[in-house]
Amino acid sequence: MLCASKPKKDKPKRLKPNGILSFSDHHMKENEIESNVTSRRLFRLLRKGKRTYSFLKGE
């Protein structure tokens, strides 16, 4: 899981073609998370859990 407020220090990794980007961030509001991740159409919302959002690569 990736926390949007803490960038990873290691090398960036590529998401597999059918991979899922999943993260939670307690600093951002629900509408901010969804709009920030989907705004460039690179990802689309797959499901929203209690505290975690899961996105698929956009098509």
N, C-alpha and C. Protein backbone atom coordinates (compact mmCIF):
# COMPACT_ATOMS: atom_id res chain seq x y z
N MET A 1 0.84 -1.16 0.00
CA MET A 1 0.00 0.00 0.00
C MET A 1 0.89 1.23 0.00
N LEU A 2 0.44 2.29 -0.65
CA LEU A 2 1.19 3.51 -0.81
C LEU A 2 0.50 4.63 -0.05
N CYS A 3 1.23 5.37 0.73
CA CYS A 3 0.66 6.52 1.42
C CYS A 3 1.03 7.76 0.62
N ALA A 4 0.05 8.50 0.13
CA ALA A 4 0.29 9.65 -0.73
C ALA A 4 1.06 10.76 -0.03
N SER A 5 0.99 10.83 1.29
CA SER A 5 1.68 11.90 2.01
C SER A 5 3.15 11.57 2.27
N LYS A 6 3.56 10.33 2.05
CA LYS A 6 4.95 9.95 2.27
C LYS A 6 5.51 9.32 1.00
N PRO A 7 6.22 10.13 0.18
CA PRO A 7 6.76 9.57 -1.06
C PRO A 7 7.80 8.49 -0.78
N LYS A 8 7.79 7.47 -1.61
CA LYS A 8 8.77 6.40 -1.45
C LYS A 8 10.15 6.90 -1.86
N LYS A 9 11.18 6.45 -1.17
CA LYS A 9 12.53 6.90 -1.46
C LYS A 9 13.25 5.99 -2.44
N ASP A 10 12.72 4.79 -2.66
CA ASP A 10 13.39 3.89 -3.58
C ASP A 10 12.98 4.20 -5.01
N LYS A 11 13.54 3.47 -5.96
CA LYS A 11 13.27 3.72 -7.37
C LYS A 11 11.78 3.56 -7.67
N PRO A 12 11.24 4.43 -8.55
CA PRO A 12 9.84 4.27 -8.91
C PRO A 12 9.60 2.93 -9.61
N LYS A 13 8.46 2.35 -9.38
CA LYS A 13 8.14 1.05 -9.96
C LYS A 13 7.00 1.20 -10.94
N ARG A 14 6.99 0.35 -11.94
CA ARG A 14 5.91 0.37 -12.92
C ARG A 14 4.80 -0.55 -12.47
N LEU A 15 3.60 -0.13 -12.75
CA LEU A 15 2.43 -0.93 -12.43
C LEU A 15 2.19 -1.89 -13.59
N LYS A 16 1.99 -3.15 -13.28
CA LYS A 16 1.72 -4.14 -14.32
C LYS A 16 0.44 -3.76 -15.06
N PRO A 17 0.27 -4.22 -16.31
CA PRO A 17 -0.89 -3.83 -17.11
C PRO A 17 -2.24 -3.95 -16.40
N ASN A 18 -2.46 -5.00 -15.66
CA ASN A 18 -3.73 -5.16 -14.93
C ASN A 18 -3.54 -4.95 -13.44
N GLY A 19 -2.47 -4.24 -13.08
CA GLY A 19 -2.16 -4.00 -11.68
C GLY A 19 -3.13 -3.01 -11.04
N ILE A 20 -3.15 -3.02 -9.74
CA ILE A 20 -4.04 -2.14 -8.98
C ILE A 20 -3.20 -1.20 -8.11
N LEU A 21 -3.47 0.08 -8.22
CA LEU A 21 -2.86 1.09 -7.36
C LEU A 21 -3.79 1.24 -6.16
N SER A 22 -3.29 0.97 -4.97
CA SER A 22 -4.12 1.02 -3.78
C SER A 22 -3.41 1.85 -2.71
N PHE A 23 -4.13 2.80 -2.12
CA PHE A 23 -3.51 3.63 -1.09
C PHE A 23 -4.56 4.24 -0.18
N SER A 24 -4.08 4.79 0.92
CA SER A 24 -4.93 5.56 1.82
C SER A 24 -4.17 6.81 2.23
N ASP A 25 -4.87 7.86 2.52
CA ASP A 25 -4.25 9.10 2.96
C ASP A 25 -5.22 9.81 3.89
N HIS A 26 -4.87 9.91 5.14
CA HIS A 26 -5.77 10.53 6.12
C HIS A 26 -5.74 12.06 6.07
N HIS A 27 -4.86 12.64 5.24
CA HIS A 27 -4.77 14.10 5.14
C HIS A 27 -5.70 14.66 4.08
N MET A 28 -6.05 13.87 3.09
CA MET A 28 -6.88 14.35 1.98
C MET A 28 -8.33 13.97 2.18
N LYS A 29 -9.22 14.79 1.65
CA LYS A 29 -10.65 14.50 1.70
C LYS A 29 -10.99 13.54 0.56
N GLU A 30 -12.13 12.86 0.72
CA GLU A 30 -12.56 11.85 -0.25
C GLU A 30 -12.57 12.38 -1.68
N ASN A 31 -13.16 13.55 -1.90
CA ASN A 31 -13.24 14.09 -3.26
C ASN A 31 -11.86 14.48 -3.80
N GLU A 32 -10.94 14.88 -2.94
CA GLU A 32 -9.58 15.23 -3.37
C GLU A 32 -8.82 14.00 -3.84
N ILE A 33 -8.96 12.92 -3.11
CA ILE A 33 -8.26 11.68 -3.49
C ILE A 33 -8.71 11.23 -4.86
N GLU A 34 -10.01 11.11 -5.04
CA GLU A 34 -10.54 10.61 -6.31
C GLU A 34 -10.18 11.54 -7.46
N SER A 35 -10.35 12.84 -7.31
CA SER A 35 -10.07 13.77 -8.41
C SER A 35 -8.58 13.86 -8.72
N ASN A 36 -7.73 13.84 -7.70
CA ASN A 36 -6.29 13.93 -7.96
C ASN A 36 -5.75 12.70 -8.69
N VAL A 37 -6.24 11.54 -8.36
CA VAL A 37 -5.73 10.31 -8.98
C VAL A 37 -6.32 10.11 -10.37
N THR A 38 -7.56 10.52 -10.59
CA THR A 38 -8.22 10.25 -11.88
C THR A 38 -8.18 11.43 -12.85
N SER A 39 -7.71 12.59 -12.44
CA SER A 39 -7.79 13.80 -13.27
C SER A 39 -7.07 13.67 -14.62
N ARG A 40 -5.95 12.99 -14.67
CA ARG A 40 -5.21 12.84 -15.93
C ARG A 40 -5.61 11.58 -16.69
N ARG A 41 -6.62 10.89 -16.18
CA ARG A 41 -7.16 9.68 -16.79
C ARG A 41 -6.14 8.54 -16.89
N LEU A 42 -5.14 8.59 -16.03
CA LEU A 42 -4.16 7.50 -15.98
C LEU A 42 -4.71 6.34 -15.17
N PHE A 43 -5.63 6.66 -14.25
CA PHE A 43 -6.23 5.64 -13.39
C PHE A 43 -7.73 5.88 -13.29
N ARG A 44 -8.47 4.80 -13.03
CA ARG A 44 -9.91 4.92 -12.78
C ARG A 44 -10.22 4.18 -11.48
N LEU A 45 -11.18 4.70 -10.76
CA LEU A 45 -11.53 4.12 -9.46
C LEU A 45 -12.10 2.72 -9.64
N LEU A 46 -11.53 1.76 -8.94
CA LEU A 46 -12.01 0.38 -8.97
C LEU A 46 -12.96 0.15 -7.80
N ARG A 47 -12.50 0.49 -6.60
CA ARG A 47 -13.35 0.33 -5.42
C ARG A 47 -12.84 1.25 -4.30
N LYS A 48 -13.77 1.55 -3.43
CA LYS A 48 -13.47 2.40 -2.29
C LYS A 48 -13.79 1.60 -1.05
N GLY A 49 -12.77 1.33 -0.25
CA GLY A 49 -12.96 0.62 1.01
C GLY A 49 -13.22 1.60 2.14
N LYS A 50 -13.16 1.09 3.34
CA LYS A 50 -13.40 1.95 4.51
C LYS A 50 -12.33 3.04 4.61
N ARG A 51 -11.07 2.66 4.36
CA ARG A 51 -9.97 3.63 4.44
C ARG A 51 -9.04 3.59 3.23
N THR A 52 -9.30 2.71 2.30
CA THR A 52 -8.40 2.50 1.18
C THR A 52 -9.12 2.68 -0.16
N TYR A 53 -8.42 3.30 -1.10
CA TYR A 53 -8.95 3.48 -2.46
C TYR A 53 -8.11 2.62 -3.39
N SER A 54 -8.77 1.95 -4.32
CA SER A 54 -8.08 1.11 -5.29
C SER A 54 -8.41 1.59 -6.69
N PHE A 55 -7.38 1.74 -7.51
CA PHE A 55 -7.53 2.26 -8.87
C PHE A 55 -6.90 1.30 -9.86
N LEU A 56 -7.48 1.24 -11.06
CA LEU A 56 -6.91 0.48 -12.17
C LEU A 56 -6.29 1.47 -13.13
N LYS A 57 -5.33 1.01 -13.91
CA LYS A 57 -4.76 1.87 -14.94
C LYS A 57 -5.86 2.26 -15.91
N GLY A 58 -5.88 3.54 -16.33
CA GLY A 58 -6.88 4.03 -17.27
C GLY A 58 -6.68 3.42 -18.64
N GLU A 59 -7.70 3.51 -19.44
CA GLU A 59 -7.63 2.92 -20.79
C GLU A 59 -7.71 3.99 -21.82
